[in-house]
C-alpha atoms as a PDB file:
ATOM      1  CA  MET A   1     103.381  85.320 112.131  1.00  0.00           C
ATOM      2  CA  ASN A   2     101.285  88.222 113.391  1.00  0.00           C
ATOM      3  CA  ALA A   3     102.182  91.652 114.660  1.00  0.00           C
ATOM      4  CA  SER A   4      99.718  92.984 117.213  1.00  0.00           C
ATOM      5  CA  VAL A   5      99.519  96.647 118.117  1.00  0.00           C
ATOM      6  CA  TYR A   6      98.579  97.380 121.728  1.00  0.00           C
ATOM      7  CA  PRO A   7      99.961  99.500 124.596  1.00  0.00           C
ATOM      8  CA  LEU A   8     103.172  98.215 126.096  1.00  0.00           C
ATOM      9  CA  MET A   9     102.907  97.053 129.689  1.00  0.00           C
ATOM     10  CA  SER A  10     105.202  97.901 132.569  1.00  0.00           C
ATOM     11  CA  PRO A  11     105.035  96.152 135.944  1.00  0.00           C
ATOM     12  CA  MET A  12     105.377  99.543 137.655  1.00  0.00           C
ATOM     13  CA  PRO A  13     103.370 102.275 135.866  1.00  0.00           C
ATOM     14  CA  ASN A  14     104.332 105.896 136.441  1.00  0.00           C
ATOM     15  CA  TYR A  15     100.808 106.902 137.379  1.00  0.00           C
ATOM     16  CA  ASP A  16      97.358 105.341 137.808  1.00  0.00           C
ATOM     17  CA  GLY A  17      95.203 105.083 134.724  1.00  0.00           C
ATOM     18  CA  MET A  18      98.158 104.560 132.404  1.00  0.00           C
ATOM     19  CA  TYR A  19      96.798 101.235 131.147  1.00  0.00           C
ATOM     20  CA  PRO A  20      93.299 100.233 130.036  1.00  0.00           C
ATOM     21  CA  TYR A  21      91.264  98.018 132.347  1.00  0.00           C
ATOM     22  CA  TYR A  22      90.686  95.485 129.549  1.00  0.00           C
ATOM     23  CA  ARG A  23      92.818  94.661 126.536  1.00  0.00           C
ATOM     24  CA  ILE A  24      92.845  92.130 123.706  1.00  0.00           C
ATOM     25  CA  GLN A  25      96.122  90.310 123.289  1.00  0.00           C
ATOM     26  CA  PRO A  26      97.496  87.127 121.710  1.00  0.00           C
ATOM     27  CA  GLN A  27      97.535  84.090 123.941  1.00  0.00           C
ATOM     28  CA  GLY A  28      98.468  80.472 123.497  1.00  0.00           C
ATOM     29  CA  GLU A  29      98.183  79.359 119.894  1.00  0.00           C
ATOM     30  CA  PRO A  30      99.209  81.699 117.063  1.00  0.00           C
ATOM     31  CA  ASP A  31      96.302  83.711 115.662  1.00  0.00           C
ATOM     32  CA  VAL A  32      94.201  83.289 118.826  1.00  0.00           C
ATOM     33  CA  TYR A  33      93.335  86.453 120.743  1.00  0.00           C
ATOM     34  CA  GLU A  34      91.638  86.791 124.126  1.00  0.00           C
ATOM     35  CA  VAL A  35      90.456  89.558 126.421  1.00  0.00           C
ATOM     36  CA  PHE A  36      92.580  90.156 129.503  1.00  0.00           C
ATOM     37  CA  GLU A  37      91.778  92.176 132.628  1.00  0.00           C
ATOM     38  CA  LEU A  38      94.074  94.519 134.548  1.00  0.00           C
ATOM     39  CA  HIS A  39      95.058  93.438 138.071  1.00  0.00           C
ATOM     40  CA  LYS A  40      97.017  95.524 140.563  1.00  0.00           C
ATOM     41  CA  THR A  41      98.887  94.248 143.591  1.00  0.00           C
ATOM     42  CA  GLY A  42      99.265  96.052 146.900  1.00  0.00           C
ATOM     43  CA  ASP A  43     102.729  97.316 145.960  1.00  0.00           C
ATOM     44  CA  GLY A  44     101.441  99.005 142.796  1.00  0.00           C
ATOM     45  CA  ARG A  45     102.597  96.359 140.323  1.00  0.00           C
ATOM     46  CA  ILE A  46     100.257  95.501 137.463  1.00  0.00           C
ATOM     47  CA  ASP A  47      99.632  92.534 135.223  1.00  0.00           C
ATOM     48  CA  TYR A  48      96.915  91.290 132.892  1.00  0.00           C
ATOM     49  CA  TYR A  49      95.074  88.019 133.490  1.00  0.00           C
ATOM     50  CA  ALA A  50      92.565  86.141 131.358  1.00  0.00           C
ATOM     51  CA  LEU A  51      88.924  86.896 132.081  1.00  0.00           C
ATOM     52  CA  SER A  52      86.794  84.613 134.177  1.00  0.00           C
ATOM     53  CA  PRO A  53      84.984  81.978 132.077  1.00  0.00           C
ATOM     54  CA  ARG A  54      81.738  83.531 133.402  1.00  0.00           C
ATOM     55  CA  ALA A  55      82.437  86.767 131.506  1.00  0.00           C
ATOM     56  CA  LYS A  56      80.459  87.132 128.290  1.00  0.00           C
ATOM     57  CA  VAL A  57      82.593  88.264 125.369  1.00  0.00           C
ATOM     58  CA  ARG A  58      81.528  88.890 121.776  1.00  0.00           C
ATOM     59  CA  PHE A  59      84.339  89.323 119.230  1.00  0.00           C
ATOM     60  CA  MET A  60      83.956  91.105 115.887  1.00  0.00           C
ATOM     61  CA  VAL A  61      86.770  91.212 113.310  1.00  0.00           C
ATOM     62  CA  HIS A  62      86.718  93.875 110.586  1.00  0.00           C
ATOM     63  CA  THR A  63      88.971  94.859 107.713  1.00  0.00           C
ATOM     64  CA  LEU A  64      90.363  98.396 107.712  1.00  0.00           C
ATOM     65  CA  ALA A  65      87.619  99.217 105.197  1.00  0.00           C
ATOM     66  CA  GLY A  66      85.053  98.308 107.860  1.00  0.00           C
ATOM     67  CA  GLN A  67      83.844  95.003 106.404  1.00  0.00           C
ATOM     68  CA  LYS A  68      82.965  92.473 109.096  1.00  0.00           C
ATOM     69  CA  VAL A  69      84.732  89.184 108.318  1.00  0.00           C
ATOM     70  CA  LEU A  70      84.216  87.252 111.557  1.00  0.00           C
ATOM     71  CA  GLU A  71      81.978  87.332 114.629  1.00  0.00           C
ATOM     72  CA  THR A  72      82.064  84.904 117.531  1.00  0.00           C
ATOM     73  CA  THR A  73      81.368  84.580 121.235  1.00  0.00           C
ATOM     74  CA  GLY A  74      83.512  82.881 123.827  1.00  0.00           C
ATOM     75  CA  GLN A  75      86.866  83.332 125.477  1.00  0.00           C
ATOM     76  CA  GLY A  76      88.860  83.899 122.297  1.00  0.00           C
ATOM     77  CA  VAL A  77      88.804  84.508 118.571  1.00  0.00           C
ATOM     78  CA  ASP A  78      90.888  82.566 116.029  1.00  0.00           C
ATOM     79  CA  ILE A  79      91.867  84.523 112.911  1.00  0.00           C
ATOM     80  CA  SER A  80      94.009  81.793 111.324  1.00  0.00           C
ATOM     81  CA  GLY A  81      91.455  81.330 108.520  1.00  0.00           C
ATOM     82  CA  LEU A  82      91.689  84.959 107.393  1.00  0.00           C
ATOM     83  CA  ASN A  83      93.892  86.208 104.560  1.00  0.00           C
ATOM     84  CA  ARG A  84      96.969  88.331 105.101  1.00  0.00           C
ATOM     85  CA  GLY A  85      96.160  91.948 105.876  1.00  0.00           C
ATOM     86  CA  ILE A  86      95.333  94.413 108.608  1.00  0.00           C
ATOM     87  CA  TYR A  87      92.333  93.693 110.821  1.00  0.00           C
ATOM     88  CA  VAL A  88      90.636  95.357 113.738  1.00  0.00           C
ATOM     89  CA  ILE A  89      89.492  92.949 116.436  1.00  0.00           C
ATOM     90  CA  GLY A  90      86.754  94.398 118.599  1.00  0.00           C
ATOM     91  CA  ALA A  91      85.323  92.858 121.747  1.00  0.00           C
ATOM     92  CA  LEU A  92      82.258  93.626 123.818  1.00  0.00           C
ATOM     93  CA  VAL A  93      82.729  92.452 127.410  1.00  0.00           C
ATOM     94  CA  ASP A  94      79.571  91.741 129.421  1.00  0.00           C
ATOM     95  CA  GLU A  95      77.560  93.878 126.972  1.00  0.00           C
ATOM     96  CA  SER A  96      79.136  97.075 128.310  1.00  0.00           C
ATOM     97  CA  GLU A  97      82.899  97.468 127.778  1.00  0.00           C
ATOM     98  CA  ARG A  98      84.148  97.891 124.191  1.00  0.00           C
ATOM     99  CA  ILE A  99      87.813  97.359 123.348  1.00  0.00           C
ATOM    100  CA  THR A 100      89.771  97.050 120.095  1.00  0.00           C
ATOM    101  CA  LEU A 101      93.094  95.756 118.820  1.00  0.00           C
ATOM    102  CA  LYS A 102      94.701  96.309 115.407  1.00  0.00           C
ATOM    103  CA  VAL A 103      96.407  93.188 114.040  1.00  0.00           C
ATOM    104  CA  VAL A 104      98.759  92.879 111.073  1.00  0.00           C
ATOM    105  CA  LYS A 105      98.420  89.325 109.750  1.00  0.00           C
ATOM    106  CA  ASN A 106     101.468  88.381 107.646  1.00  0.00           C
END
């Protein structure tokens, strides 16, 4: 079981800019993380949806000490083969947007 640390989401934010445009979050199978994109509706509600398959994403997983333990491209990164510990998952979206997520792998 993993514990992922990322901003909580509300369907009705108090003000614009409260949530990042992109975020990494768990999806589907345990230990698989993907990049999601912020979408707003006309009534101000927000949600995150998976990126288009056309988006280019490069994932890098590091230990807290900064050692790179995994690098991959594609729609998601699977950390099931890593030992227990705390990791930082970084993603580069379309070679321009950098995002990170801290994961506690139990």
